[in-house]
Protein backbone atom coordinates (compact mmCIF):
# COMPACT_ATOMS: atom_id res chain seq x y z
CA MET A 1 318.30 20.02 56.74
CA LEU A 2 321.02 19.64 53.93
CA ARG A 3 319.99 22.18 50.98
CA VAL A 4 320.88 21.58 47.66
CA SER A 5 321.01 24.04 44.86
CA LEU A 6 320.36 23.22 41.41
CA LEU A 7 318.61 26.14 39.77
CA GLY A 8 321.78 28.59 38.62
CA THR A 9 324.56 27.33 40.13
CA PHE A 10 325.63 24.09 41.78
CA GLY A 11 325.52 24.70 45.78
CA ILE A 12 325.25 22.81 49.04
CA ALA A 13 324.64 23.96 52.69
CA LEU A 14 323.94 22.54 55.63
CA ASP A 15 320.54 24.22 57.32
CA ALA A 16 322.04 27.91 56.38
CA ASN A 17 325.96 27.12 56.23
CA PRO A 18 327.62 26.83 52.70
CA ILE A 19 329.29 23.45 52.64
CA ARG A 20 333.02 23.82 50.68
CA LEU A 21 332.91 21.31 47.92
CA ASN A 22 335.76 19.87 47.08
CA PHE A 23 335.03 17.26 44.31
CA GLY A 24 336.64 19.04 41.26
CA PRO A 25 334.98 19.76 38.63
CA SER A 26 333.89 16.75 36.89
CA GLY A 27 333.06 15.21 40.66
CA GLN A 28 330.97 18.27 41.04
CA ARG A 29 329.18 17.79 37.72
CA MET A 30 329.18 13.80 38.71
CA ALA A 31 326.73 14.92 42.19
CA ALA A 32 324.60 17.63 40.40
CA CYS A 33 323.46 14.61 38.70
CA LEU A 34 322.91 12.53 41.50
CA PHE A 35 320.75 14.92 43.23
CA ALA A 36 319.40 16.14 40.02
CA PHE A 37 317.81 12.31 39.29
CA SER A 38 317.90 11.15 43.39
CA GLY A 39 315.65 7.77 43.39
CA ARG A 40 316.82 6.79 39.79
CA PRO A 41 320.05 3.90 39.54
CA HIS A 42 322.96 5.25 37.62
CA LEU A 43 325.40 2.72 35.78
CA ARG A 44 328.55 3.44 37.45
CA GLU A 45 330.88 2.77 34.29
CA ARG A 46 328.77 5.54 32.58
CA LEU A 47 329.33 7.65 35.41
CA ALA A 48 332.46 7.60 34.98
CA ASP A 49 332.75 7.81 31.03
CA MET A 50 330.25 10.67 31.30
CA PHE A 51 332.59 12.88 33.48
CA TRP A 52 335.44 11.16 33.10
CA PRO A 53 335.96 10.56 29.30
CA GLU A 54 339.46 11.77 29.03
CA MET A 55 340.98 8.98 31.51
CA ASN A 56 341.23 5.60 31.10
CA CYS A 57 338.87 2.97 32.60
CA ASP A 58 340.93 2.11 35.66
CA ARG A 59 341.75 6.12 36.13
CA SER A 60 338.13 7.02 35.34
CA ARG A 61 336.82 4.68 37.61
CA ALA A 62 338.95 5.64 40.66
CA ALA A 63 337.89 9.75 40.12
CA LEU A 64 334.45 8.10 40.17
CA ASN A 65 335.10 6.32 43.63
CA SER A 66 336.71 9.61 45.08
CA ALA A 67 334.34 11.38 43.87
CA LEU A 68 331.16 9.34 45.86
CA TRP A 69 333.17 8.69 49.05
CA ARG A 70 333.95 13.30 49.40
CA LEU A 71 329.70 12.84 48.06
CA ARG A 72 329.23 10.66 51.32
CA LYS A 73 330.95 12.60 53.51
CA ILE A 74 328.90 16.01 52.59
CA LEU A 75 325.49 13.71 53.15
CA ALA A 76 326.93 12.47 56.26
CA ALA A 77 327.17 16.09 57.83
CA GLU A 78 323.86 16.39 58.06
CA PRO A 79 322.99 13.83 61.42
CA LYS A 80 320.06 12.70 60.46
CA SER A 81 321.59 10.95 57.08
CA ASP A 82 322.97 7.96 59.38
CA GLY A 83 326.52 8.74 57.50
CA GLY A 84 325.09 9.10 54.26
CA ARG A 85 323.43 5.81 54.11
CA ASN A 86 321.14 7.09 51.20
CA LEU A 87 323.91 7.29 48.94
CA ARG A 88 323.94 3.29 47.89
CA THR A 89 325.68 0.98 45.65
CA VAL A 90 323.34 -1.62 44.32
CA GLY A 91 325.23 -4.13 42.10
CA SER A 92 326.63 -2.36 39.10
CA HIS A 93 324.52 1.22 40.29
CA VAL A 94 325.08 4.07 41.92
CA VAL A 95 321.82 5.30 43.25
CA LEU A 96 320.98 8.62 45.77
CA GLU A 97 317.74 7.83 47.33
CA PRO A 98 315.64 10.87 48.76
CA ALA A 99 315.30 12.12 52.41
CA SER A 100 313.09 13.73 54.32
CA TRP A 101 316.41 15.89 55.11
CA LEU A 102 317.41 16.38 52.16
CA ASP A 103 315.81 19.60 50.11
CA VAL A 104 316.51 19.73 46.53
CA ASP A 105 315.22 23.21 44.97
CA SER A 106 314.21 21.90 41.44
CA HIS A 107 312.66 18.66 43.12
CA LYS A 108 310.56 21.29 44.84
CA ILE A 109 309.16 22.88 41.83
CA ASP A 110 308.21 19.25 40.74
CA ALA A 111 306.12 19.10 44.22
CA LEU A 112 304.44 22.19 44.14
CA CYS A 113 302.92 21.26 40.43
CA HIS A 114 301.32 18.35 41.53
CA ALA A 115 300.42 19.11 44.64
CA PRO A 116 296.95 18.36 45.53
CA ASN A 117 295.71 21.82 46.23
CA GLY A 118 297.61 23.51 42.89
CA SER A 119 294.67 24.99 41.86
CA VAL A 120 294.93 28.74 43.20
CA SER A 121 293.39 30.67 40.76
CA ALA A 122 290.60 31.91 42.33
CA GLY A 123 292.25 32.65 45.40
CA GLY A 124 292.84 29.90 46.80
CA ASP A 125 294.70 28.76 50.21
CA VAL A 126 297.50 31.42 51.87
CA THR A 127 299.98 28.68 52.63
CA PHE A 128 300.49 27.25 49.37
CA ARG A 129 300.78 30.75 48.47
CA ARG A 130 303.35 31.15 50.37
CA GLU A 131 305.16 28.17 49.23
CA LEU A 132 304.72 29.19 45.44
CA GLN A 133 306.23 32.27 46.75
CA ALA A 134 309.59 31.21 48.31
CA MET A 135 309.59 28.90 44.82
CA ILE A 136 309.87 31.70 43.32
CA ASP A 137 312.49 33.73 45.29
CA ARG A 138 314.40 30.65 45.06
CA TYR A 139 314.65 30.09 41.75
CA ARG A 140 317.89 31.71 40.73
CA GLY A 141 318.11 30.51 37.47
CA PRO A 142 317.66 27.61 35.11
CA LEU A 143 318.90 24.50 36.31
CA LEU A 144 322.76 23.49 36.13
CA GLU A 145 322.95 26.65 33.82
CA ASP A 146 326.33 26.25 32.65
CA GLU A 147 326.38 23.18 32.35
CA GLU A 148 325.82 21.80 28.38
CA ALA A 149 325.51 17.57 28.42
CA GLN A 150 322.41 16.25 27.53
CA ILE A 151 321.58 15.70 30.22
CA PHE A 152 321.41 18.66 32.05
CA THR A 153 319.80 20.52 28.75
CA GLU A 154 316.52 18.22 28.75
CA GLU A 155 315.53 18.58 32.54
CA ARG A 156 316.55 21.82 32.27
CA GLU A 157 314.22 22.96 29.58
CA ARG A 158 311.36 20.44 31.65
CA ILE A 159 312.31 22.34 35.68
CA HIS A 160 311.75 25.80 33.78
CA ALA A 161 308.09 25.24 32.19
CA ASN A 162 307.43 23.83 35.57
CA PHE A 163 308.50 26.78 37.19
CA VAL A 164 306.56 29.30 35.04
CA LYS A 165 303.48 26.86 35.65
CA ILE A 166 303.61 27.66 39.36
CA ALA A 167 304.58 31.28 38.68
CA GLN A 168 301.41 31.53 36.51
CA THR A 169 299.45 29.85 39.24
CA LEU A 170 300.67 32.06 41.65
CA ILE A 171 300.09 34.98 39.67
CA GLY A 172 296.33 34.34 39.28
CA ALA A 173 295.75 33.70 42.73
CA TYR A 174 297.11 37.32 43.49
CA VAL A 175 295.22 38.86 40.63
CA ALA A 176 291.74 37.39 42.71
CA ASN A 177 292.83 38.76 45.42
CA CYS A 178 293.62 42.42 43.73
CA ALA A 179 297.40 41.65 45.10
CA TYR A 180 298.48 43.13 42.18
CA GLU A 181 302.05 44.83 43.35
CA SER A 182 302.44 41.41 44.35
CA ALA A 183 301.56 39.86 41.42
CA ILE A 184 303.89 42.77 39.39
CA ASN A 185 306.93 41.05 41.34
CA VAL A 186 306.33 37.44 40.62
CA CYS A 187 305.84 38.86 36.57
CA ARG A 188 308.85 40.74 36.32
CA ARG A 189 310.88 38.10 37.94
CA VAL A 190 309.54 35.33 35.28
CA HIS A 191 310.27 38.41 32.64
CA PHE A 192 313.92 38.87 33.80
CA LEU A 193 314.50 35.05 33.30
CA ASP A 194 311.96 34.57 30.69
CA PRO A 195 311.83 37.59 28.65
CA TYR A 196 310.27 36.72 25.39
CA ARG A 197 307.16 34.47 27.08
CA GLU A 198 304.09 36.39 25.55
CA LEU A 199 302.00 35.72 27.77
CA ILE A 200 304.22 36.90 30.89
CA VAL A 201 304.09 39.94 28.63
CA ARG A 202 300.72 40.47 28.35
CA CYS A 203 300.09 39.63 32.01
CA LEU A 204 302.91 42.48 33.03
CA LEU A 205 300.90 44.85 31.45
CA VAL A 206 297.60 43.87 32.39
CA LEU A 207 298.88 44.31 36.08
CA LEU A 208 300.20 47.60 35.75
CA VAL A 209 297.78 49.14 34.64
CA LEU A 210 295.22 48.08 37.23
CA ASN A 211 298.19 48.95 39.42
CA GLU A 212 297.61 52.42 38.23
CA GLN A 213 300.60 52.70 36.03
CA ARG A 214 299.81 52.53 32.78
CA ALA A 215 302.25 54.89 31.66
CA GLU A 216 305.03 52.34 32.36
CA ALA A 217 303.06 49.59 30.50
CA VAL A 218 303.51 51.32 27.40
CA ARG A 219 306.94 52.69 27.98
CA LEU A 220 307.80 48.54 29.31
CA TYR A 221 305.98 47.48 26.29
CA GLU A 222 307.82 49.68 23.70
CA SER A 223 311.18 48.55 25.37
CA TRP A 224 310.42 45.31 25.55
CA LYS A 225 309.03 45.63 21.20
CA LYS A 226 312.98 46.52 20.15
CA SER A 227 314.62 44.34 21.92
CA LEU A 228 312.35 41.51 20.55
CA ARG A 229 313.11 42.60 17.13
CA SER A 230 317.01 43.11 17.59
CA ASP A 231 317.13 40.02 19.64
CA LEU A 232 315.03 37.89 17.56
CA GLY A 233 314.13 39.51 14.47
CA VAL A 234 309.70 39.19 14.97
CA GLU A 235 307.19 41.32 15.52
CA PRO A 236 304.83 40.53 19.24
CA MET A 237 301.90 38.39 17.83
CA PRO A 238 298.85 40.00 17.05
CA ARG A 239 297.25 39.20 20.51
CA THR A 240 300.34 41.49 22.20
CA ALA A 241 299.82 44.07 19.94
CA GLU A 242 296.28 44.34 20.37
CA LEU A 243 296.68 44.46 23.89
CA ILE A 244 298.86 47.52 24.11
CA LEU A 245 296.27 49.32 21.45
CA THR A 246 293.54 48.32 24.03
CA ILE A 247 295.63 50.18 26.77
CA ARG A 248 296.80 53.11 24.77
CA SER A 249 292.67 54.16 24.59
CA LEU A 250 291.72 52.83 28.13
CA SER A 251 288.69 55.35 28.71
CA ASN A 252 286.55 53.64 31.65
CA VAL A 253 286.20 51.38 34.41
CA GLN A 254 284.54 48.85 32.68
CA GLN A 255 287.23 48.12 30.41
CA ILE A 256 289.51 48.16 33.66
CA ASP A 257 287.36 44.91 35.00
CA GLY A 258 287.36 43.80 31.06
CA LEU A 259 291.27 43.60 31.15
CA ARG A 260 291.17 41.77 34.54
CA ASN A 261 289.19 39.09 33.43
CA SER A 262 290.49 38.88 30.34
CA VAL A 263 294.38 38.14 32.49
CA SER A 264 292.20 36.12 34.69
CA ALA A 265 290.77 33.90 31.80
CA GLU A 266 294.42 33.58 30.16
CA LEU A 267 296.18 32.52 33.11
CA SER A 268 293.27 29.82 33.89
CA ALA A 269 293.59 28.47 30.38
CA ALA A 270 297.44 28.42 30.29
């Protein structure tokens, strides 16, 4: 299995063994583009202009040809690739076709978002929950986070939104099964990568209370509110401010059950 990492920084591994990339910066960005948009035809001239804009026409095309040759060699390291034949030239276009032996992390997020058993908020399938958890663990950061080209920035936002979606699905499944510690860990992971997404903050606050960590919930809120003010110059949303008031004044089991129901409802509606 050839595993391609686009989430965070670019990397390729054959099974568990990292492959040394010798594309050069522009060739590496071109390869990342083909992996990110596998199955989509790319005009050769556009690839050359996009990733080697400082070169004249002949030199940029030669650089593209060299990078494609190096990419095919990497694909060929997987015996099932039949020499990297899924990297094809069709007329004036280049296309990297998807394959069963090619595992691209960003594509896995899309597959999970559109899986038939994707609604696990009521408990769901244990195997599917494990797949979701594995994807959460694999998400090392936004898609190609160091790249600024528009083709990457637009895809980055879409993939991150899908990552948050599967995280919310998984949190809902854990809450339904009273697995609060697991749900807290997922919340913390998303919160670390996306600290001002208030739905996740509210979920984390409630989960800490359900896990008998009310003092920690209050401390987290106060610290987060200060960061919100200093970094963005805004106050928490009224719904979040009301939640912390409720948490501070909790006095019975019924109120705690109400919090559990409210977080489940909010995750279902998201």
